[in-house]
Amino acid sequence: GQMVASAGPLLQIKHLVWRHAIISAEICRRLAGLR
């Protein structure tokens, strides 16, 4: 997350990609628990 939070011209895209990664991680965690 610290890599993604660094300033740069594509900060908006980095935030979208990071949010997707965190949501995916949590979904995977929950699905794994159910299985």
ModelCIF file with pLDDT and N, C-alpha, C, O atoms, coordinates in Angstrom:
data_MODEL
#
_entry.id   MODEL 
#
_entity.id                         1 
_entity.type                       polymer 
_entity.pdbx_number_of_molecules   1 
#
_entity_poly.entity_id                      1 
_entity_poly.type                           'polypeptide(L)' 
_entity_poly.nstd_linkage                   no 
_entity_poly.nstd_monomer                   no 
_entity_poly.pdbx_seq_one_letter_code       GQMVASAGPLLQIKHLVWRHAIISAEICRRLAGLR 
_entity_poly.pdbx_seq_one_letter_code_can   GQMVASAGPLLQIKHLVWRHAIISAEICRRLAGLR 
_entity_poly.pdbx_strand_id                 A 
#
loop_
_entity_poly_seq.entity_id 
_entity_poly_seq.num 
_entity_poly_seq.mon_id 
_entity_poly_seq.hetero 
1 1  GLY n 
1 2  GLN n 
1 3  MET n 
1 4  VAL n 
1 5  ALA n 
1 6  SER n 
1 7  ALA n 
1 8  GLY n 
1 9  PRO n 
1 10 LEU n 
1 11 LEU n 
1 12 GLN n 
1 13 ILE n 
1 14 LYS n 
1 15 HIS n 
1 16 LEU n 
1 17 VAL n 
1 18 TRP n 
1 19 ARG n 
1 20 HIS n 
1 21 ALA n 
1 22 ILE n 
1 23 ILE n 
1 24 SER n 
1 25 ALA n 
1 26 GLU n 
1 27 ILE n 
1 28 CYS n 
1 29 ARG n 
1 30 ARG n 
1 31 LEU n 
1 32 ALA n 
1 33 GLY n 
1 34 LEU n 
1 35 ARG n 
#
_struct_asym.id          A 
_struct_asym.entity_id   1 
#
loop_
_ma_qa_metric.id 
_ma_qa_metric.mode 
_ma_qa_metric.name 
_ma_qa_metric.software_group_id 
_ma_qa_metric.type 
1 global pLDDT . pLDDT 
2 local  pLDDT . pLDDT 
#
_ma_qa_metric_global.metric_id      1 
_ma_qa_metric_global.metric_value   84.74 
_ma_qa_metric_global.model_id       1 
_ma_qa_metric_global.ordinal_id     1 
#
loop_
_ma_qa_metric_local.label_asym_id 
_ma_qa_metric_local.label_comp_id 
_ma_qa_metric_local.label_seq_id 
_ma_qa_metric_local.metric_id 
_ma_qa_metric_local.metric_value 
_ma_qa_metric_local.model_id 
_ma_qa_metric_local.ordinal_id 
A GLY 1  2 72.00 1 1  
A GLN 2  2 70.00 1 2  
A MET 3  2 68.00 1 3  
A VAL 4  2 69.00 1 4  
A ALA 5  2 69.00 1 5  
A SER 6  2 73.00 1 6  
A ALA 7  2 76.00 1 7  
A GLY 8  2 80.00 1 8  
A PRO 9  2 82.00 1 9  
A LEU 10 2 85.00 1 10 
A LEU 11 2 83.00 1 11 
A GLN 12 2 84.00 1 12 
A ILE 13 2 87.00 1 13 
A LYS 14 2 85.00 1 14 
A HIS 15 2 83.00 1 15 
A LEU 16 2 87.00 1 16 
A VAL 17 2 87.00 1 17 
A TRP 18 2 84.00 1 18 
A ARG 19 2 86.00 1 19 
A HIS 20 2 90.00 1 20 
A ALA 21 2 87.00 1 21 
A ILE 22 2 86.00 1 22 
A ILE 23 2 90.00 1 23 
A SER 24 2 92.00 1 24 
A ALA 25 2 87.00 1 25 
A GLU 26 2 88.00 1 26 
A ILE 27 2 95.00 1 27 
A CYS 28 2 93.00 1 28 
A ARG 29 2 86.00 1 29 
A ARG 30 2 91.00 1 30 
A LEU 31 2 96.00 1 31 
A ALA 32 2 94.00 1 32 
A GLY 33 2 91.00 1 33 
A LEU 34 2 95.00 1 34 
A ARG 35 2 95.00 1 35 
#
loop_
_atom_site.group_PDB 
_atom_site.id 
_atom_site.type_symbol 
_atom_site.label_atom_id 
_atom_site.label_alt_id 
_atom_site.label_comp_id 
_atom_site.label_asym_id 
_atom_site.label_entity_id 
_atom_site.label_seq_id 
_atom_site.pdbx_PDB_ins_code 
_atom_site.Cartn_x 
_atom_site.Cartn_y 
_atom_site.Cartn_z 
_atom_site.occupancy 
_atom_site.B_iso_or_equiv 
_atom_site.pdbx_formal_charge 
_atom_site.auth_seq_id 
_atom_site.auth_comp_id 
_atom_site.auth_asym_id 
_atom_site.auth_atom_id 
_atom_site.pdbx_PDB_model_num 
ATOM 1   N N  . GLY A 1 1  ? 0.812   -1.210  0.000   1.00 72.00 ? 1  GLY A N  1 
ATOM 2   C CA . GLY A 1 1  ? 0.000   0.000   0.000   1.00 72.00 ? 1  GLY A CA 1 
ATOM 3   C C  . GLY A 1 1  ? 0.848   1.264   0.000   1.00 72.00 ? 1  GLY A C  1 
ATOM 4   O O  . GLY A 1 1  ? 0.467   2.271   -0.597  1.00 72.00 ? 1  GLY A O  1 
ATOM 5   N N  . GLN A 1 2  ? 1.988   1.213   0.664   1.00 70.00 ? 2  GLN A N  1 
ATOM 6   C CA . GLN A 1 2  ? 2.882   2.374   0.670   1.00 70.00 ? 2  GLN A CA 1 
ATOM 7   C C  . GLN A 1 2  ? 3.422   2.648   -0.725  1.00 70.00 ? 2  GLN A C  1 
ATOM 8   O O  . GLN A 1 2  ? 3.609   3.807   -1.097  1.00 70.00 ? 2  GLN A O  1 
ATOM 9   N N  . MET A 1 3  ? 3.674   1.602   -1.500  1.00 68.00 ? 3  MET A N  1 
ATOM 10  C CA . MET A 1 3  ? 4.130   1.792   -2.880  1.00 68.00 ? 3  MET A CA 1 
ATOM 11  C C  . MET A 1 3  ? 3.058   2.506   -3.699  1.00 68.00 ? 3  MET A C  1 
ATOM 12  O O  . MET A 1 3  ? 3.356   3.388   -4.504  1.00 68.00 ? 3  MET A O  1 
ATOM 13  N N  . VAL A 1 4  ? 1.825   2.114   -3.483  1.00 69.00 ? 4  VAL A N  1 
ATOM 14  C CA . VAL A 1 4  ? 0.717   2.661   -4.254  1.00 69.00 ? 4  VAL A CA 1 
ATOM 15  C C  . VAL A 1 4  ? 0.414   4.099   -3.835  1.00 69.00 ? 4  VAL A C  1 
ATOM 16  O O  . VAL A 1 4  ? -0.041  4.902   -4.650  1.00 69.00 ? 4  VAL A O  1 
ATOM 17  N N  . ALA A 1 5  ? 0.663   4.420   -2.577  1.00 69.00 ? 5  ALA A N  1 
ATOM 18  C CA . ALA A 1 5  ? 0.315   5.747   -2.073  1.00 69.00 ? 5  ALA A CA 1 
ATOM 19  C C  . ALA A 1 5  ? 1.304   6.830   -2.481  1.00 69.00 ? 5  ALA A C  1 
ATOM 20  O O  . ALA A 1 5  ? 1.038   8.014   -2.275  1.00 69.00 ? 5  ALA A O  1 
ATOM 21  N N  . SER A 1 6  ? 2.432   6.449   -3.052  1.00 73.00 ? 6  SER A N  1 
ATOM 22  C CA . SER A 1 6  ? 3.421   7.456   -3.422  1.00 73.00 ? 6  SER A CA 1 
ATOM 23  C C  . SER A 1 6  ? 2.869   8.365   -4.517  1.00 73.00 ? 6  SER A C  1 
ATOM 24  O O  . SER A 1 6  ? 2.138   7.928   -5.406  1.00 73.00 ? 6  SER A O  1 
ATOM 25  N N  . ALA A 1 7  ? 3.239   9.630   -4.426  1.00 76.00 ? 7  ALA A N  1 
ATOM 26  C CA . ALA A 1 7  ? 2.750   10.619  -5.388  1.00 76.00 ? 7  ALA A CA 1 
ATOM 27  C C  . ALA A 1 7  ? 3.245   10.294  -6.789  1.00 76.00 ? 7  ALA A C  1 
ATOM 28  O O  . ALA A 1 7  ? 4.279   9.648   -6.963  1.00 76.00 ? 7  ALA A O  1 
ATOM 29  N N  . GLY A 1 8  ? 2.507   10.741  -7.765  1.00 80.00 ? 8  GLY A N  1 
ATOM 30  C CA . GLY A 1 8  ? 2.891   10.537  -9.153  1.00 80.00 ? 8  GLY A CA 1 
ATOM 31  C C  . GLY A 1 8  ? 1.747   10.935  -10.063 1.00 80.00 ? 8  GLY A C  1 
ATOM 32  O O  . GLY A 1 8  ? 0.620   11.130  -9.608  1.00 80.00 ? 8  GLY A O  1 
ATOM 33  N N  . PRO A 1 9  ? 2.038   11.055  -11.347 1.00 82.00 ? 9  PRO A N  1 
ATOM 34  C CA . PRO A 1 9  ? 1.007   11.499  -12.282 1.00 82.00 ? 9  PRO A CA 1 
ATOM 35  C C  . PRO A 1 9  ? -0.167  10.535  -12.441 1.00 82.00 ? 9  PRO A C  1 
ATOM 36  O O  . PRO A 1 9  ? -1.227  10.929  -12.928 1.00 82.00 ? 9  PRO A O  1 
ATOM 37  N N  . LEU A 1 10 ? 0.010   9.274   -12.037 1.00 85.00 ? 10 LEU A N  1 
ATOM 38  C CA . LEU A 1 10 ? -1.070  8.288   -12.187 1.00 85.00 ? 10 LEU A CA 1 
ATOM 39  C C  . LEU A 1 10 ? -1.623  7.847   -10.828 1.00 85.00 ? 10 LEU A C  1 
ATOM 40  O O  . LEU A 1 10 ? -2.078  6.715   -10.665 1.00 85.00 ? 10 LEU A O  1 
ATOM 41  N N  . LEU A 1 11 ? -1.576  8.751   -9.871  1.00 83.00 ? 11 LEU A N  1 
ATOM 42  C CA . LEU A 1 11 ? -2.035  8.433   -8.520  1.00 83.00 ? 11 LEU A CA 1 
ATOM 43  C C  . LEU A 1 11 ? -3.476  7.920   -8.510  1.00 83.00 ? 11 LEU A C  1 
ATOM 44  O O  . LEU A 1 11 ? -3.798  6.996   -7.763  1.00 83.00 ? 11 LEU A O  1 
ATOM 45  N N  . GLN A 1 12 ? -4.330  8.506   -9.323  1.00 84.00 ? 12 GLN A N  1 
ATOM 46  C CA . GLN A 1 12 ? -5.740  8.090   -9.392  1.00 84.00 ? 12 GLN A CA 1 
ATOM 47  C C  . GLN A 1 12 ? -5.850  6.616   -9.790  1.00 84.00 ? 12 GLN A C  1 
ATOM 48  O O  . GLN A 1 12 ? -6.641  5.868   -9.216  1.00 84.00 ? 12 GLN A O  1 
ATOM 49  N N  . ILE A 1 13 ? -5.058  6.212   -10.767 1.00 87.00 ? 13 ILE A N  1 
ATOM 50  C CA . ILE A 1 13 ? -5.091  4.812   -11.214 1.00 87.00 ? 13 ILE A CA 1 
ATOM 51  C C  . ILE A 1 13 ? -4.545  3.898   -10.127 1.00 87.00 ? 13 ILE A C  1 
ATOM 52  O O  . ILE A 1 13 ? -5.089  2.820   -9.891  1.00 87.00 ? 13 ILE A O  1 
ATOM 53  N N  . LYS A 1 14 ? -3.470  4.321   -9.462  1.00 85.00 ? 14 LYS A N  1 
ATOM 54  C CA . LYS A 1 14 ? -2.899  3.508   -8.387  1.00 85.00 ? 14 LYS A CA 1 
ATOM 55  C C  . LYS A 1 14 ? -3.923  3.264   -7.289  1.00 85.00 ? 14 LYS A C  1 
ATOM 56  O O  . LYS A 1 14 ? -4.013  2.159   -6.754  1.00 85.00 ? 14 LYS A O  1 
ATOM 57  N N  . HIS A 1 15 ? -4.690  4.286   -6.953  1.00 83.00 ? 15 HIS A N  1 
ATOM 58  C CA . HIS A 1 15 ? -5.711  4.120   -5.916  1.00 83.00 ? 15 HIS A CA 1 
ATOM 59  C C  . HIS A 1 15 ? -6.783  3.123   -6.344  1.00 83.00 ? 15 HIS A C  1 
ATOM 60  O O  . HIS A 1 15 ? -7.231  2.312   -5.533  1.00 83.00 ? 15 HIS A O  1 
ATOM 61  N N  . LEU A 1 16 ? -7.197  3.175   -7.597  1.00 87.00 ? 16 LEU A N  1 
ATOM 62  C CA . LEU A 1 16 ? -8.196  2.224   -8.097  1.00 87.00 ? 16 LEU A CA 1 
ATOM 63  C C  . LEU A 1 16 ? -7.664  0.790   -8.044  1.00 87.00 ? 16 LEU A C  1 
ATOM 64  O O  . LEU A 1 16 ? -8.373  -0.125  -7.627  1.00 87.00 ? 16 LEU A O  1 
ATOM 65  N N  . VAL A 1 17 ? -6.419  0.602   -8.466  1.00 87.00 ? 17 VAL A N  1 
ATOM 66  C CA . VAL A 1 17 ? -5.807  -0.726  -8.475  1.00 87.00 ? 17 VAL A CA 1 
ATOM 67  C C  . VAL A 1 17 ? -5.653  -1.241  -7.046  1.00 87.00 ? 17 VAL A C  1 
ATOM 68  O O  . VAL A 1 17 ? -5.906  -2.416  -6.781  1.00 87.00 ? 17 VAL A O  1 
ATOM 69  N N  . TRP A 1 18 ? -5.240  -0.369  -6.124  1.00 84.00 ? 18 TRP A N  1 
ATOM 70  C CA . TRP A 1 18 ? -5.055  -0.776  -4.730  1.00 84.00 ? 18 TRP A CA 1 
ATOM 71  C C  . TRP A 1 18 ? -6.382  -1.163  -4.089  1.00 84.00 ? 18 TRP A C  1 
ATOM 72  O O  . TRP A 1 18 ? -6.470  -2.167  -3.382  1.00 84.00 ? 18 TRP A O  1 
ATOM 73  N N  . ARG A 1 19 ? -7.407  -0.365  -4.338  1.00 86.00 ? 19 ARG A N  1 
ATOM 74  C CA . ARG A 1 19 ? -8.726  -0.680  -3.784  1.00 86.00 ? 19 ARG A CA 1 
ATOM 75  C C  . ARG A 1 19 ? -9.201  -2.042  -4.286  1.00 86.00 ? 19 ARG A C  1 
ATOM 76  O O  . ARG A 1 19 ? -9.731  -2.844  -3.517  1.00 86.00 ? 19 ARG A O  1 
ATOM 77  N N  . HIS A 1 20 ? -9.010  -2.297  -5.570  1.00 90.00 ? 20 HIS A N  1 
ATOM 78  C CA . HIS A 1 20 ? -9.372  -3.594  -6.156  1.00 90.00 ? 20 HIS A CA 1 
ATOM 79  C C  . HIS A 1 20 ? -8.605  -4.730  -5.468  1.00 90.00 ? 20 HIS A C  1 
ATOM 80  O O  . HIS A 1 20 ? -9.175  -5.785  -5.189  1.00 90.00 ? 20 HIS A O  1 
ATOM 81  N N  . ALA A 1 21 ? -7.325  -4.515  -5.198  1.00 87.00 ? 21 ALA A N  1 
ATOM 82  C CA . ALA A 1 21 ? -6.507  -5.553  -4.562  1.00 87.00 ? 21 ALA A CA 1 
ATOM 83  C C  . ALA A 1 21 ? -6.984  -5.860  -3.145  1.00 87.00 ? 21 ALA A C  1 
ATOM 84  O O  . ALA A 1 21 ? -7.074  -7.025  -2.756  1.00 87.00 ? 21 ALA A O  1 
ATOM 85  N N  . ILE A 1 22 ? -7.287  -4.829  -2.381  1.00 86.00 ? 22 ILE A N  1 
ATOM 86  C CA . ILE A 1 22 ? -7.743  -5.032  -1.000  1.00 86.00 ? 22 ILE A CA 1 
ATOM 87  C C  . ILE A 1 22 ? -9.104  -5.722  -0.971  1.00 86.00 ? 22 ILE A C  1 
ATOM 88  O O  . ILE A 1 22 ? -9.331  -6.623  -0.163  1.00 86.00 ? 22 ILE A O  1 
ATOM 89  N N  . ILE A 1 23 ? -9.998  -5.301  -1.843  1.00 90.00 ? 23 ILE A N  1 
ATOM 90  C CA . ILE A 1 23 ? -11.324 -5.936  -1.904  1.00 90.00 ? 23 ILE A CA 1 
ATOM 91  C C  . ILE A 1 23 ? -11.185 -7.396  -2.334  1.00 90.00 ? 23 ILE A C  1 
ATOM 92  O O  . ILE A 1 23 ? -11.835 -8.274  -1.766  1.00 90.00 ? 23 ILE A O  1 
ATOM 93  N N  . SER A 1 24 ? -10.349 -7.659  -3.327  1.00 92.00 ? 24 SER A N  1 
ATOM 94  C CA . SER A 1 24 ? -10.124 -9.037  -3.784  1.00 92.00 ? 24 SER A CA 1 
ATOM 95  C C  . SER A 1 24 ? -9.546  -9.896  -2.668  1.00 92.00 ? 24 SER A C  1 
ATOM 96  O O  . SER A 1 24 ? -9.955  -11.043 -2.485  1.00 92.00 ? 24 SER A O  1 
ATOM 97  N N  . ALA A 1 25 ? -8.588  -9.337  -1.919  1.00 87.00 ? 25 ALA A N  1 
ATOM 98  C CA . ALA A 1 25 ? -7.972  -10.084 -0.825  1.00 87.00 ? 25 ALA A CA 1 
ATOM 99  C C  . ALA A 1 25 ? -9.007  -10.470 0.230   1.00 87.00 ? 25 ALA A C  1 
ATOM 100 O O  . ALA A 1 25 ? -9.015  -11.599 0.721   1.00 87.00 ? 25 ALA A O  1 
ATOM 101 N N  . GLU A 1 26 ? -9.866  -9.537  0.566   1.00 88.00 ? 26 GLU A N  1 
ATOM 102 C CA . GLU A 1 26 ? -10.883 -9.819  1.582   1.00 88.00 ? 26 GLU A CA 1 
ATOM 103 C C  . GLU A 1 26 ? -11.916 -10.828 1.075   1.00 88.00 ? 26 GLU A C  1 
ATOM 104 O O  . GLU A 1 26 ? -12.344 -11.703 1.829   1.00 88.00 ? 26 GLU A O  1 
ATOM 105 N N  . ILE A 1 27 ? -12.314 -10.719 -0.169  1.00 95.00 ? 27 ILE A N  1 
ATOM 106 C CA . ILE A 1 27 ? -13.243 -11.702 -0.750  1.00 95.00 ? 27 ILE A CA 1 
ATOM 107 C C  . ILE A 1 27 ? -12.617 -13.086 -0.748  1.00 95.00 ? 27 ILE A C  1 
ATOM 108 O O  . ILE A 1 27 ? -13.267 -14.064 -0.380  1.00 95.00 ? 27 ILE A O  1 
ATOM 109 N N  . CYS A 1 28 ? -11.355 -13.172 -1.158  1.00 93.00 ? 28 CYS A N  1 
ATOM 110 C CA . CYS A 1 28 ? -10.661 -14.465 -1.168  1.00 93.00 ? 28 CYS A CA 1 
ATOM 111 C C  . CYS A 1 28 ? -10.575 -15.051 0.235   1.00 93.00 ? 28 CYS A C  1 
ATOM 112 O O  . CYS A 1 28 ? -10.773 -16.250 0.428   1.00 93.00 ? 28 CYS A O  1 
ATOM 113 N N  . ARG A 1 29 ? -10.277 -14.193 1.221   1.00 86.00 ? 29 ARG A N  1 
ATOM 114 C CA . ARG A 1 29 ? -10.195 -14.656 2.607   1.00 86.00 ? 29 ARG A CA 1 
ATOM 115 C C  . ARG A 1 29 ? -11.528 -15.243 3.053   1.00 86.00 ? 29 ARG A C  1 
ATOM 116 O O  . ARG A 1 29 ? -11.568 -16.322 3.645   1.00 86.00 ? 29 ARG A O  1 
ATOM 117 N N  . ARG A 1 30 ? -12.598 -14.549 2.777   1.00 91.00 ? 30 ARG A N  1 
ATOM 118 C CA . ARG A 1 30 ? -13.919 -15.005 3.222   1.00 91.00 ? 30 ARG A CA 1 
ATOM 119 C C  . ARG A 1 30 ? -14.353 -16.281 2.503   1.00 91.00 ? 30 ARG A C  1 
ATOM 120 O O  . ARG A 1 30 ? -14.905 -17.190 3.121   1.00 91.00 ? 30 ARG A O  1 
ATOM 121 N N  . LEU A 1 31 ? -14.103 -16.343 1.201   1.00 96.00 ? 31 LEU A N  1 
ATOM 122 C CA . LEU A 1 31 ? -14.459 -17.554 0.456   1.00 96.00 ? 31 LEU A CA 1 
ATOM 123 C C  . LEU A 1 31 ? -13.636 -18.753 0.934   1.00 96.00 ? 31 LEU A C  1 
ATOM 124 O O  . LEU A 1 31 ? -14.163 -19.859 1.052   1.00 96.00 ? 31 LEU A O  1 
ATOM 125 N N  . ALA A 1 32 ? -12.362 -18.537 1.207   1.00 94.00 ? 32 ALA A N  1 
ATOM 126 C CA . ALA A 1 32 ? -11.515 -19.625 1.696   1.00 94.00 ? 32 ALA A CA 1 
ATOM 127 C C  . ALA A 1 32 ? -12.030 -20.139 3.034   1.00 94.00 ? 32 ALA A C  1 
ATOM 128 O O  . ALA A 1 32 ? -12.049 -21.346 3.276   1.00 94.00 ? 32 ALA A O  1 
ATOM 129 N N  . GLY A 1 33 ? -12.447 -19.223 3.901   1.00 91.00 ? 33 GLY A N  1 
ATOM 130 C CA . GLY A 1 33 ? -12.996 -19.628 5.200   1.00 91.00 ? 33 GLY A CA 1 
ATOM 131 C C  . GLY A 1 33 ? -14.243 -20.477 5.045   1.00 91.00 ? 33 GLY A C  1 
ATOM 132 O O  . GLY A 1 33 ? -14.438 -21.437 5.790   1.00 91.00 ? 33 GLY A O  1 
ATOM 133 N N  . LEU A 1 34 ? -15.079 -20.135 4.094   1.00 95.00 ? 34 LEU A N  1 
ATOM 134 C CA . LEU A 1 34 ? -16.303 -20.905 3.856   1.00 95.00 ? 34 LEU A CA 1 
ATOM 135 C C  . LEU A 1 34 ? -16.014 -22.292 3.287   1.00 95.00 ? 34 LEU A C  1 
ATOM 136 O O  . LEU A 1 34 ? -16.810 -23.217 3.447   1.00 95.00 ? 34 LEU A O  1 
ATOM 137 N N  . ARG A 1 35 ? -14.873 -22.425 2.624   1.00 95.00 ? 35 ARG A N  1 
ATOM 138 C CA . ARG A 1 35 ? -14.519 -23.697 1.989   1.00 95.00 ? 35 ARG A CA 1 
ATOM 139 C C  . ARG A 1 35 ? -13.433 -24.458 2.748   1.00 95.00 ? 35 ARG A C  1 
ATOM 140 O O  . ARG A 1 35 ? -13.035 -25.545 2.330   1.00 95.00 ? 35 ARG A O  1 
#
